[in-house]
């Protein structure tokens, strides 16, 4: 399974699934499948999504679950 942060970055930028789908030339349903982890993106799709968010692909997708944001924030506060 490929884990992702699409929903996180999409909502952070105030984009609907349809708006994101239009930006990367996908169907809005595909965005939903990707967000739920029901569908693994092609390399081209992953690159397009990463470009929209101005991120590297590995910042958006991972083979392992991403750590909870709350744990990352608590580590940053201690630094």
Protein backbone atom coordinates (compact mmCIF):
# COMPACT_ATOMS: atom_id res chain seq x y z
CA UNK A 1 0.00 0.00 0.00
CA UNK A 2 1.18 3.50 -0.80
CA UNK A 3 0.45 6.10 1.87
CA UNK A 4 -0.02 9.75 0.99
CA UNK A 5 -0.74 13.20 2.31
CA UNK A 6 -2.85 14.41 -0.60
CA UNK A 7 -5.89 15.26 1.53
CA UNK A 8 -3.73 17.16 4.02
CA UNK A 9 -2.08 19.37 1.41
CA UNK A 10 -5.28 19.72 -0.62
CA UNK A 11 -7.28 21.02 2.34
CA UNK A 12 -4.38 23.17 3.53
CA UNK A 13 -4.51 24.96 0.19
CA UNK A 14 -8.30 25.17 0.21
CA UNK A 15 -8.76 23.01 -2.88
CA UNK A 16 -11.74 20.77 -3.50
CA UNK A 17 -11.17 17.34 -5.01
CA UNK A 18 -12.57 18.66 -8.29
CA UNK A 19 -10.22 21.65 -8.31
CA UNK A 20 -7.20 19.43 -7.65
CA UNK A 21 -8.38 16.94 -10.26
CA UNK A 22 -8.63 19.74 -12.82
CA UNK A 23 -5.09 20.89 -12.01
CA UNK A 24 -3.61 17.43 -12.59
CA UNK A 25 -5.99 16.30 -15.35
CA UNK A 26 -7.65 13.51 -13.35
CA UNK A 27 -11.18 12.57 -12.44
CA UNK A 28 -12.28 13.85 -8.99
CA UNK A 29 -13.16 10.24 -8.06
CA UNK A 30 -9.54 9.28 -8.71
CA UNK A 31 -8.41 11.93 -6.24
CA UNK A 32 -10.75 10.37 -3.67
CA UNK A 33 -9.41 6.87 -4.37
CA UNK A 34 -5.85 8.17 -4.03
CA UNK A 35 -6.60 9.96 -0.76
CA UNK A 36 -8.15 6.80 0.73
CA UNK A 37 -5.24 4.65 -0.45
CA UNK A 38 -7.52 2.54 -2.67
CA UNK A 39 -5.47 3.38 -5.74
CA UNK A 40 -1.74 3.65 -6.34
CA UNK A 41 -0.74 6.52 -8.62
CA UNK A 42 1.31 6.17 -11.75
CA UNK A 43 4.68 7.87 -11.71
CA UNK A 44 3.29 10.59 -13.97
CA UNK A 45 0.32 11.17 -11.66
CA UNK A 46 2.58 11.33 -8.58
CA UNK A 47 4.86 13.83 -10.29
CA UNK A 48 1.93 16.04 -11.34
CA UNK A 49 0.48 16.03 -7.83
CA UNK A 50 3.84 16.82 -6.25
CA UNK A 51 4.30 19.70 -8.69
CA UNK A 52 0.92 21.23 -7.76
CA UNK A 53 1.93 21.22 -4.09
CA UNK A 54 5.53 22.25 -4.84
CA UNK A 55 6.79 19.18 -3.00
CA UNK A 56 9.04 16.24 -3.71
CA UNK A 57 7.20 13.01 -4.48
CA UNK A 58 8.53 11.41 -1.29
CA UNK A 59 7.07 14.27 0.78
CA UNK A 60 3.65 13.37 -0.64
CA UNK A 61 3.87 9.56 -0.95
CA UNK A 62 5.48 6.85 1.18
CA UNK A 63 5.61 3.07 1.41
CA UNK A 64 5.31 3.39 5.21
CA UNK A 65 2.62 5.34 7.08
CA UNK A 66 3.55 8.94 7.76
CA UNK A 67 4.04 9.83 11.43
CA UNK A 68 1.16 11.71 13.01
CA UNK A 69 1.48 15.47 12.60
CA UNK A 70 0.93 15.95 16.33
CA UNK A 71 4.07 13.91 17.09
CA UNK A 72 6.06 15.96 14.58
CA UNK A 73 4.84 19.21 16.13
CA UNK A 74 5.79 18.12 19.64
CA UNK A 75 9.33 17.28 18.45
CA UNK A 76 9.65 20.72 16.82
CA UNK A 77 8.55 22.48 20.03
CA UNK A 78 11.30 20.71 21.99
CA UNK A 79 14.01 21.84 19.56
